[in-house]
Amino acid sequence: MGVTRNKVDRDKFNAEAALPYELRFEDFALAMQDVYDFFYDVNRLLISKGLTRFDDMLRPANMSGMLSDMLTASLAKHSRTLTQNTFFNGHPDLIVNDVYPHNSVKAGTEGIEIKSTRKRGGAVDTHGARDQWMCSFVYRVDCETEPANDRAAMAFTEVYLGQVIEADFRNNPRGRLGTRTSTLDRLGIAKLRQNWVYRLIALGGNQTMKSKIKSRKPPGPEPETLRIEGDWKDAMRKLISKKRPVGGWPKPKKKKAK
C-alpha cells in the first residue's frame, strides 16, 4: 500500500459545538491537516531510504507531547485571536493575543490548554487542577498491520473542547518518586465530552450524567456577565485587572467536629 496522506473529514464536525475566542471549525481542520501533511512528508522520505515509519519510532508519550506542540502552533497560526504562550511551560498553551505582556504568562486564565492522547474519550493527566478551557485531541496509530509499510496513517478520531473548573478534577495518588498529576473525574470528563468538536466514532451517554454535570457549580459568588462595548482588548484587560470584592473572597465553611 505504501505511504498514504490522511485527510480531515469535514463532515465529522459538530455544528452545535461552542467554540470560544472566535475559533472556527476550519481552524481545527487546518491544524489537523498540517499534522497529516507533516507525517506524510516525513514517512515518505523515511520509507524511501528503507527506514522505519516515524509513527513507529516514537514512544507514545513522546508522540503525544509532539502532537500537542504541533497542534498548538498550527491553531495559533490559523486562529483569529489566539497565539502561542511564549512563557516556557506556561499555562495555557494558547492565549489571547496582546492580553499578557509579550504574549507570555506563567499561569494565565484567558486561553486554551492543548492535550493529545491515544485514550478514547479524551481523558488526560495534567499537572494541576484549575479553571480552564481544555482541548483534547484523540489520535490513533496503526501498530499491528504487517508488513509495517502497509500500516494506516495516523488519524485524529476525536476532538473535545470544554470549559472545566477545579472541582471537575481528581488528584492522582503518587509514590515517593512520582509526579503529582490531576485528571478530570467522571463528571468532569463527561462535561468535556458534551462539547465534542470532531468525532469519527460515537460515544454513549446518559441523561442522568448530564443532569449531574449541570448541577456542579464552581465555588464562590455567581460570575458576572460582561457585555463588551468598544474595543474587546481593552475590555479584556479591565476584566483581568478587576480587584477582589470589598468583603474578600468567600471562605470555605468549617466542618463541625464530631
C-alpha atoms as a PDB file:
ATOM      1  CA  MET A   1       0.000   0.000   0.000  1.00  0.00           C
ATOM      2  CA  GLY A   2       2.872   2.407   0.745  1.00  0.00           C
ATOM      3  CA  VAL A   3       2.638   5.770   2.480  1.00  0.00           C
ATOM      4  CA  THR A   4      -0.758   7.491   2.321  1.00  0.00           C
ATOM      5  CA  ARG A   5      -1.740  11.072   3.161  1.00  0.00           C
ATOM      6  CA  ASN A   6      -4.606  11.249   5.622  1.00  0.00           C
ATOM      7  CA  LYS A   7      -7.326  13.869   5.179  1.00  0.00           C
ATOM      8  CA  VAL A   8      -9.639  15.551   7.667  1.00  0.00           C
ATOM      9  CA  ASP A   9     -13.286  14.521   7.225  1.00  0.00           C
ATOM     10  CA  ARG A  10     -15.080  17.870   7.421  1.00  0.00           C
ATOM     11  CA  ASP A  11     -18.453  16.134   7.686  1.00  0.00           C
ATOM     12  CA  LYS A  12     -17.494  14.882  11.154  1.00  0.00           C
ATOM     13  CA  PHE A  13     -17.506  18.276  12.866  1.00  0.00           C
ATOM     14  CA  ASN A  14     -20.226  19.036  15.405  1.00  0.00           C
ATOM     15  CA  ALA A  15     -22.112  22.099  14.186  1.00  0.00           C
ATOM     16  CA  GLU A  16     -23.577  22.598  17.682  1.00  0.00           C
ATOM     17  CA  ALA A  17     -20.211  22.756  19.470  1.00  0.00           C
ATOM     18  CA  ALA A  18     -19.456  26.000  21.325  1.00  0.00           C
ATOM     19  CA  LEU A  19     -16.135  27.479  20.185  1.00  0.00           C
ATOM     20  CA  PRO A  20     -14.599  30.240  22.350  1.00  0.00           C
ATOM     21  CA  TYR A  21     -12.189  33.023  21.363  1.00  0.00           C
ATOM     22  CA  GLU A  22     -13.505  33.373  17.799  1.00  0.00           C
ATOM     23  CA  LEU A  23     -12.314  29.868  16.875  1.00  0.00           C
ATOM     24  CA  ARG A  24     -13.712  28.282  13.710  1.00  0.00           C
ATOM     25  CA  PHE A  25     -14.080  24.654  12.677  1.00  0.00           C
ATOM     26  CA  GLU A  26     -11.775  25.437   9.780  1.00  0.00           C
ATOM     27  CA  ASP A  27      -9.031  26.302  12.293  1.00  0.00           C
ATOM     28  CA  PHE A  28      -9.229  22.773  13.698  1.00  0.00           C
ATOM     29  CA  ALA A  29      -9.397  21.220  10.223  1.00  0.00           C
ATOM     30  CA  LEU A  30      -6.314  23.094   9.033  1.00  0.00           C
ATOM     31  CA  ALA A  31      -4.362  22.312  12.224  1.00  0.00           C
ATOM     32  CA  MET A  32      -5.048  18.581  11.926  1.00  0.00           C
ATOM     33  CA  GLN A  33      -4.276  18.623   8.216  1.00  0.00           C
ATOM     34  CA  ASP A  34      -0.935  20.316   8.939  1.00  0.00           C
ATOM     35  CA  VAL A  35      -0.062  17.327  11.130  1.00  0.00           C
ATOM     36  CA  TYR A  36      -1.229  14.845   8.492  1.00  0.00           C
ATOM     37  CA  ASP A  37       0.878  16.552   5.815  1.00  0.00           C
ATOM     38  CA  PHE A  38       3.944  16.534   8.072  1.00  0.00           C
ATOM     39  CA  PHE A  39       3.670  12.808   8.784  1.00  0.00           C
ATOM     40  CA  TYR A  40       3.118  12.070   5.086  1.00  0.00           C
ATOM     41  CA  ASP A  41       6.218  14.013   4.024  1.00  0.00           C
ATOM     42  CA  VAL A  42       8.437  12.534   6.756  1.00  0.00           C
ATOM     43  CA  ASN A  43       7.252   8.947   6.328  1.00  0.00           C
ATOM     44  CA  ARG A  44       7.590   9.093   2.559  1.00  0.00           C
ATOM     45  CA  LEU A  45      11.227  10.155   2.971  1.00  0.00           C
ATOM     46  CA  LEU A  46      11.958   7.526   5.630  1.00  0.00           C
ATOM     47  CA  ILE A  47      10.385   4.673   3.673  1.00  0.00           C
ATOM     48  CA  SER A  48      12.248   5.688   0.510  1.00  0.00           C
ATOM     49  CA  LYS A  49      15.502   5.189   2.422  1.00  0.00           C
ATOM     50  CA  GLY A  50      14.420   1.843   3.852  1.00  0.00           C
ATOM     51  CA  LEU A  51      13.915   3.247   7.347  1.00  0.00           C
ATOM     52  CA  THR A  52      11.121   2.799   9.908  1.00  0.00           C
ATOM     53  CA  ARG A  53       7.995   4.958   9.840  1.00  0.00           C
ATOM     54  CA  PHE A  54       8.121   7.989  12.134  1.00  0.00           C
ATOM     55  CA  ASP A  55       4.970   6.730  13.915  1.00  0.00           C
ATOM     56  CA  ASP A  56       6.812   3.529  14.903  1.00  0.00           C
ATOM     57  CA  MET A  57       9.963   5.329  16.059  1.00  0.00           C
ATOM     58  CA  LEU A  58       8.253   7.469  18.690  1.00  0.00           C
ATOM     59  CA  ARG A  59       7.216   6.268  22.125  1.00  0.00           C
ATOM     60  CA  PRO A  60       3.551   7.033  22.916  1.00  0.00           C
ATOM     61  CA  ALA A  61       4.389   9.735  25.484  1.00  0.00           C
ATOM     62  CA  ASN A  62       6.830  11.427  23.109  1.00  0.00           C
ATOM     63  CA  MET A  63       4.338  11.349  20.258  1.00  0.00           C
ATOM     64  CA  SER A  64       1.555  12.814  22.393  1.00  0.00           C
ATOM     65  CA  GLY A  65       3.822  15.642  23.522  1.00  0.00           C
ATOM     66  CA  MET A  66       4.981  16.365  19.980  1.00  0.00           C
ATOM     67  CA  LEU A  67       1.424  16.362  18.612  1.00  0.00           C
ATOM     68  CA  SER A  68       0.297  18.764  21.353  1.00  0.00           C
ATOM     69  CA  ASP A  69       3.098  21.172  20.408  1.00  0.00           C
ATOM     70  CA  MET A  70       2.352  20.883  16.680  1.00  0.00           C
ATOM     71  CA  LEU A  71      -1.378  21.424  17.150  1.00  0.00           C
ATOM     72  CA  THR A  72      -0.742  24.404  19.430  1.00  0.00           C
ATOM     73  CA  ALA A  73       1.499  26.024  16.813  1.00  0.00           C
ATOM     74  CA  SER A  74      -0.931  25.325  13.960  1.00  0.00           C
ATOM     75  CA  LEU A  75      -4.004  26.553  15.827  1.00  0.00           C
ATOM     76  CA  ALA A  76      -2.114  29.731  16.743  1.00  0.00           C
ATOM     77  CA  LYS A  77      -1.246  30.221  13.053  1.00  0.00           C
ATOM     78  CA  HIS A  78      -4.807  29.780  11.794  1.00  0.00           C
ATOM     79  CA  SER A  79      -6.744  31.317  14.716  1.00  0.00           C
ATOM     80  CA  ARG A  80      -8.016  34.886  14.579  1.00  0.00           C
ATOM     81  CA  THR A  81      -7.349  35.829  18.227  1.00  0.00           C
ATOM     82  CA  LEU A  82      -5.130  33.167  19.832  1.00  0.00           C
ATOM     83  CA  THR A  83      -1.353  32.919  19.880  1.00  0.00           C
ATOM     84  CA  GLN A  84       1.236  30.664  21.496  1.00  0.00           C
ATOM     85  CA  ASN A  85       2.183  31.329  25.109  1.00  0.00           C
ATOM     86  CA  THR A  86       5.885  32.201  24.914  1.00  0.00           C
ATOM     87  CA  PHE A  87       6.490  31.514  28.627  1.00  0.00           C
ATOM     88  CA  PHE A  88       8.409  28.218  28.954  1.00  0.00           C
ATOM     89  CA  ASN A  89       5.953  25.586  30.207  1.00  0.00           C
ATOM     90  CA  GLY A  90       3.444  28.378  30.776  1.00  0.00           C
ATOM     91  CA  HIS A  91      -0.289  27.766  31.098  1.00  0.00           C
ATOM     92  CA  PRO A  92      -2.374  27.774  28.996  1.00  0.00           C
ATOM     93  CA  ASP A  93      -0.672  26.787  25.735  1.00  0.00           C
ATOM     94  CA  LEU A  94      -2.759  29.193  23.648  1.00  0.00           C
ATOM     95  CA  ILE A  95      -3.502  32.667  25.000  1.00  0.00           C
ATOM     96  CA  VAL A  96      -5.486  35.624  23.703  1.00  0.00           C
ATOM     97  CA  ASN A  97      -3.183  37.824  21.649  1.00  0.00           C
ATOM     98  CA  ASP A  98      -1.887  41.010  23.342  1.00  0.00           C
ATOM     99  CA  VAL A  99      -3.676  40.387  26.668  1.00  0.00           C
ATOM    100  CA  TYR A 100      -0.460  39.472  28.512  1.00  0.00           C
ATOM    101  CA  PRO A 101       2.828  41.384  28.165  1.00  0.00           C
ATOM    102  CA  HIS A 102       4.916  39.946  25.310  1.00  0.00           C
ATOM    103  CA  ASN A 103       2.290  37.184  24.998  1.00  0.00           C
ATOM    104  CA  SER A 104       3.985  35.453  27.907  1.00  0.00           C
ATOM    105  CA  VAL A 105       2.371  34.288  31.157  1.00  0.00           C
ATOM    106  CA  LYS A 106       3.264  31.613  33.709  1.00  0.00           C
ATOM    107  CA  ALA A 107      -0.333  30.924  34.730  1.00  0.00           C
ATOM    108  CA  GLY A 108      -2.988  32.768  32.763  1.00  0.00           C
ATOM    109  CA  THR A 109      -6.755  32.473  32.569  1.00  0.00           C
ATOM    110  CA  GLU A 110      -7.534  33.668  29.040  1.00  0.00           C
ATOM    111  CA  GLY A 111      -6.746  30.905  26.581  1.00  0.00           C
ATOM    112  CA  ILE A 112      -6.898  27.164  25.895  1.00  0.00           C
ATOM    113  CA  GLU A 113      -4.756  24.275  27.111  1.00  0.00           C
ATOM    114  CA  ILE A 114      -4.000  21.732  24.342  1.00  0.00           C
ATOM    115  CA  LYS A 115      -3.641  17.998  25.062  1.00  0.00           C
ATOM    116  CA  SER A 116      -3.330  14.900  22.886  1.00  0.00           C
ATOM    117  CA  THR A 117      -3.784  11.262  23.842  1.00  0.00           C
ATOM    118  CA  ARG A 118      -4.399   7.784  22.470  1.00  0.00           C
ATOM    119  CA  LYS A 119      -7.045   7.183  25.130  1.00  0.00           C
ATOM    120  CA  ARG A 120     -10.527   7.020  23.670  1.00  0.00           C
ATOM    121  CA  GLY A 121     -12.758   9.634  25.254  1.00  0.00           C
ATOM    122  CA  GLY A 122     -10.028  12.244  25.728  1.00  0.00           C
ATOM    123  CA  ALA A 123      -9.036  11.709  29.386  1.00  0.00           C
ATOM    124  CA  VAL A 124      -5.516  13.061  30.033  1.00  0.00           C
ATOM    125  CA  ASP A 125      -3.312  13.763  33.051  1.00  0.00           C
ATOM    126  CA  THR A 126      -2.483  17.375  33.877  1.00  0.00           C
ATOM    127  CA  HIS A 127      -0.034  18.954  36.312  1.00  0.00           C
ATOM    128  CA  GLY A 128      -2.735  20.591  38.377  1.00  0.00           C
ATOM    129  CA  ALA A 129      -6.452  21.184  38.714  1.00  0.00           C
ATOM    130  CA  ARG A 130      -7.589  24.642  37.669  1.00  0.00           C
ATOM    131  CA  ASP A 131     -10.395  26.541  35.959  1.00  0.00           C
ATOM    132  CA  GLN A 132      -9.630  26.459  32.255  1.00  0.00           C
ATOM    133  CA  TRP A 133     -10.654  25.828  28.685  1.00  0.00           C
ATOM    134  CA  MET A 134      -9.195  22.445  27.750  1.00  0.00           C
ATOM    135  CA  CYS A 135      -8.940  20.889  24.299  1.00  0.00           C
ATOM    136  CA  SER A 136      -8.143  17.188  23.963  1.00  0.00           C
ATOM    137  CA  PHE A 137      -7.174  15.594  20.632  1.00  0.00           C
ATOM    138  CA  VAL A 138      -7.521  11.805  20.491  1.00  0.00           C
ATOM    139  CA  TYR A 139      -5.447  10.049  17.842  1.00  0.00           C
ATOM    140  CA  ARG A 140      -4.977   6.505  16.579  1.00  0.00           C
ATOM    141  CA  VAL A 141      -1.767   4.817  15.420  1.00  0.00           C
ATOM    142  CA  ASP A 142      -1.679   1.535  13.492  1.00  0.00           C
ATOM    143  CA  CYS A 143       0.885  -0.641  15.274  1.00  0.00           C
ATOM    144  CA  GLU A 144      -0.390  -4.038  14.162  1.00  0.00           C
ATOM    145  CA  THR A 145      -0.650  -4.279  10.362  1.00  0.00           C
ATOM    146  CA  GLU A 146       2.122  -6.285   8.714  1.00  0.00           C
ATOM    147  CA  PRO A 147       4.227  -5.558   6.812  1.00  0.00           C
ATOM    148  CA  ALA A 148       4.778  -2.272   8.640  1.00  0.00           C
ATOM    149  CA  ASN A 149       4.999  -0.283   5.407  1.00  0.00           C
ATOM    150  CA  ASP A 150       1.315  -1.075   4.797  1.00  0.00           C
ATOM    151  CA  ARG A 151       0.142   0.408   8.078  1.00  0.00           C
ATOM    152  CA  ALA A 152      -2.602   3.050   8.022  1.00  0.00           C
ATOM    153  CA  ALA A 153      -1.662   6.688   8.513  1.00  0.00           C
ATOM    154  CA  MET A 154      -2.021   8.244  11.965  1.00  0.00           C
ATOM    155  CA  ALA A 155      -5.529   9.656  12.392  1.00  0.00           C
ATOM    156  CA  PHE A 156      -7.297  12.028  14.765  1.00  0.00           C
ATOM    157  CA  THR A 157     -10.509  10.298  15.846  1.00  0.00           C
ATOM    158  CA  GLU A 158     -11.938  12.678  18.471  1.00  0.00           C
ATOM    159  CA  VAL A 159     -11.557  16.321  19.493  1.00  0.00           C
ATOM    160  CA  TYR A 160     -13.125  17.727  22.664  1.00  0.00           C
ATOM    161  CA  LEU A 161     -13.176  21.328  23.871  1.00  0.00           C
ATOM    162  CA  GLY A 162     -14.708  22.234  27.213  1.00  0.00           C
ATOM    163  CA  GLN A 163     -14.596  24.779  29.994  1.00  0.00           C
ATOM    164  CA  VAL A 164     -13.834  22.913  33.227  1.00  0.00           C
ATOM    165  CA  ILE A 165     -13.344  24.043  36.798  1.00  0.00           C
ATOM    166  CA  GLU A 166     -11.079  22.925  39.632  1.00  0.00           C
ATOM    167  CA  ALA A 167     -13.878  20.841  41.169  1.00  0.00           C
ATOM    168  CA  ASP A 168     -14.029  18.739  37.981  1.00  0.00           C
ATOM    169  CA  PHE A 169     -10.630  17.177  38.728  1.00  0.00           C
ATOM    170  CA  ARG A 170      -9.388  14.415  40.999  1.00  0.00           C
ATOM    171  CA  ASN A 171      -5.830  14.313  42.312  1.00  0.00           C
ATOM    172  CA  ASN A 172      -3.997  11.113  41.432  1.00  0.00           C
ATOM    173  CA  PRO A 173      -2.080   9.245  44.146  1.00  0.00           C
ATOM    174  CA  ARG A 174       1.689   9.177  43.726  1.00  0.00           C
ATOM    175  CA  GLY A 175       4.622   7.320  45.204  1.00  0.00           C
ATOM    176  CA  ARG A 176       7.768   8.833  46.712  1.00  0.00           C
ATOM    177  CA  LEU A 177       9.295   9.366  43.258  1.00  0.00           C
ATOM    178  CA  GLY A 178       6.098  10.111  41.379  1.00  0.00           C
ATOM    179  CA  THR A 179       4.951  13.372  39.825  1.00  0.00           C
ATOM    180  CA  ARG A 180       1.773  14.942  41.145  1.00  0.00           C
ATOM    181  CA  THR A 181      -0.950  14.886  38.491  1.00  0.00           C
ATOM    182  CA  SER A 182      -4.657  15.617  38.243  1.00  0.00           C
ATOM    183  CA  THR A 183      -7.251  14.122  35.909  1.00  0.00           C
ATOM    184  CA  LEU A 184     -10.831  15.078  35.140  1.00  0.00           C
ATOM    185  CA  ASP A 185     -13.150  12.960  37.273  1.00  0.00           C
ATOM    186  CA  ARG A 186     -16.201  11.102  35.976  1.00  0.00           C
ATOM    187  CA  LEU A 187     -18.397  14.197  35.799  1.00  0.00           C
ATOM    188  CA  GLY A 188     -15.554  16.361  34.561  1.00  0.00           C
ATOM    189  CA  ILE A 189     -14.723  14.150  31.587  1.00  0.00           C
ATOM    190  CA  ALA A 190     -18.441  13.860  30.802  1.00  0.00           C
ATOM    191  CA  LYS A 191     -18.617  17.672  30.720  1.00  0.00           C
ATOM    192  CA  LEU A 192     -15.660  17.799  28.332  1.00  0.00           C
ATOM    193  CA  ARG A 193     -17.210  15.201  26.037  1.00  0.00           C
ATOM    194  CA  GLN A 194     -20.518  17.068  25.879  1.00  0.00           C
ATOM    195  CA  ASN A 195     -18.894  19.770  23.769  1.00  0.00           C
ATOM    196  CA  TRP A 196     -17.257  17.496  21.210  1.00  0.00           C
ATOM    197  CA  VAL A 197     -15.839  19.246  18.167  1.00  0.00           C
ATOM    198  CA  TYR A 198     -14.827  16.396  15.858  1.00  0.00           C
ATOM    199  CA  ARG A 199     -15.552  12.700  16.090  1.00  0.00           C
ATOM    200  CA  LEU A 200     -15.079   9.761  13.757  1.00  0.00           C
ATOM    201  CA  ILE A 201     -16.555   7.350  16.317  1.00  0.00           C
ATOM    202  CA  ALA A 202     -19.647   7.679  18.525  1.00  0.00           C
ATOM    203  CA  LEU A 203     -19.574   7.590  22.309  1.00  0.00           C
ATOM    204  CA  GLY A 204     -22.540   6.745  24.513  1.00  0.00           C
ATOM    205  CA  GLY A 205     -24.061   8.990  27.167  1.00  0.00           C
ATOM    206  CA  ASN A 206     -26.991   9.191  29.580  1.00  0.00           C
ATOM    207  CA  GLN A 207     -29.345  11.881  30.817  1.00  0.00           C
ATOM    208  CA  THR A 208     -28.555  11.211  34.489  1.00  0.00           C
ATOM    209  CA  MET A 209     -24.919  12.108  33.942  1.00  0.00           C
ATOM    210  CA  LYS A 210     -25.902  15.265  32.041  1.00  0.00           C
ATOM    211  CA  SER A 211     -28.120  16.447  34.899  1.00  0.00           C
ATOM    212  CA  LYS A 212     -25.297  15.915  37.410  1.00  0.00           C
ATOM    213  CA  ILE A 213     -22.943  17.936  35.243  1.00  0.00           C
ATOM    214  CA  LYS A 214     -25.338  20.885  35.182  1.00  0.00           C
ATOM    215  CA  SER A 215     -25.715  20.782  38.974  1.00  0.00           C
ATOM    216  CA  ARG A 216     -21.978  21.166  39.579  1.00  0.00           C
ATOM    217  CA  LYS A 217     -21.077  24.813  40.050  1.00  0.00           C
ATOM    218  CA  PRO A 218     -17.752  26.497  40.856  1.00  0.00           C
ATOM    219  CA  PRO A 219     -17.313  27.786  44.442  1.00  0.00           C
ATOM    220  CA  GLY A 220     -17.816  31.446  45.243  1.00  0.00           C
ATOM    221  CA  PRO A 221     -20.274  34.083  44.039  1.00  0.00           C
ATOM    222  CA  GLU A 222     -22.147  33.836  40.771  1.00  0.00           C
ATOM    223  CA  PRO A 223     -19.979  35.133  37.896  1.00  0.00           C
ATOM    224  CA  GLU A 224     -20.877  38.492  36.443  1.00  0.00           C
ATOM    225  CA  THR A 225     -21.892  38.757  32.801  1.00  0.00           C
ATOM    226  CA  LEU A 226     -19.609  41.070  30.841  1.00  0.00           C
ATOM    227  CA  ARG A 227     -21.103  42.936  27.911  1.00  0.00           C
ATOM    228  CA  ILE A 228     -18.269  44.116  25.720  1.00  0.00           C
ATOM    229  CA  GLU A 229     -18.685  47.557  24.211  1.00  0.00           C
ATOM    230  CA  GLY A 230     -15.965  49.153  22.127  1.00  0.00           C
ATOM    231  CA  ASP A 231     -12.535  47.532  21.815  1.00  0.00           C
ATOM    232  CA  TRP A 232     -12.635  43.958  23.190  1.00  0.00           C
ATOM    233  CA  LYS A 233      -8.903  44.013  24.074  1.00  0.00           C
ATOM    234  CA  ASP A 234      -9.403  46.972  26.436  1.00  0.00           C
ATOM    235  CA  ALA A 235     -12.425  45.244  27.933  1.00  0.00           C
ATOM    236  CA  MET A 236     -10.392  42.064  28.485  1.00  0.00           C
ATOM    237  CA  ARG A 237      -7.621  43.961  30.246  1.00  0.00           C
ATOM    238  CA  LYS A 238     -10.143  45.599  32.571  1.00  0.00           C
ATOM    239  CA  LEU A 239     -11.658  42.219  33.360  1.00  0.00           C
ATOM    240  CA  ILE A 240      -8.290  40.659  34.230  1.00  0.00           C
ATOM    241  CA  SER A 241      -7.286  43.613  36.434  1.00  0.00           C
ATOM    242  CA  LYS A 242     -10.572  43.519  38.377  1.00  0.00           C
ATOM    243  CA  LYS A 243      -9.989  43.837  42.135  1.00  0.00           C
ATOM    244  CA  ARG A 244     -11.379  41.383  44.649  1.00  0.00           C
ATOM    245  CA  PRO A 245     -14.675  42.179  46.413  1.00  0.00           C
ATOM    246  CA  VAL A 246     -14.628  44.587  49.380  1.00  0.00           C
ATOM    247  CA  GLY A 247     -15.581  41.792  51.751  1.00  0.00           C
ATOM    248  CA  GLY A 248     -12.952  39.491  50.324  1.00  0.00           C
ATOM    249  CA  TRP A 249     -13.415  36.156  48.600  1.00  0.00           C
ATOM    250  CA  PRO A 250     -15.813  33.666  50.229  1.00  0.00           C
ATOM    251  CA  LYS A 251     -14.194  31.427  52.815  1.00  0.00           C
ATOM    252  CA  PRO A 252     -14.904  27.703  52.957  1.00  0.00           C
ATOM    253  CA  LYS A 253     -17.230  26.587  55.696  1.00  0.00           C
ATOM    254  CA  LYS A 254     -15.559  24.864  58.625  1.00  0.00           C
ATOM    255  CA  LYS A 255     -16.585  21.309  59.288  1.00  0.00           C
ATOM    256  CA  LYS A 256     -18.232  20.714  62.639  1.00  0.00           C
ATOM    257  CA  ALA A 257     -16.319  18.469  64.995  1.00  0.00           C
ATOM    258  CA  LYS A 258     -17.994  15.121  65.610  1.00  0.00           C
END
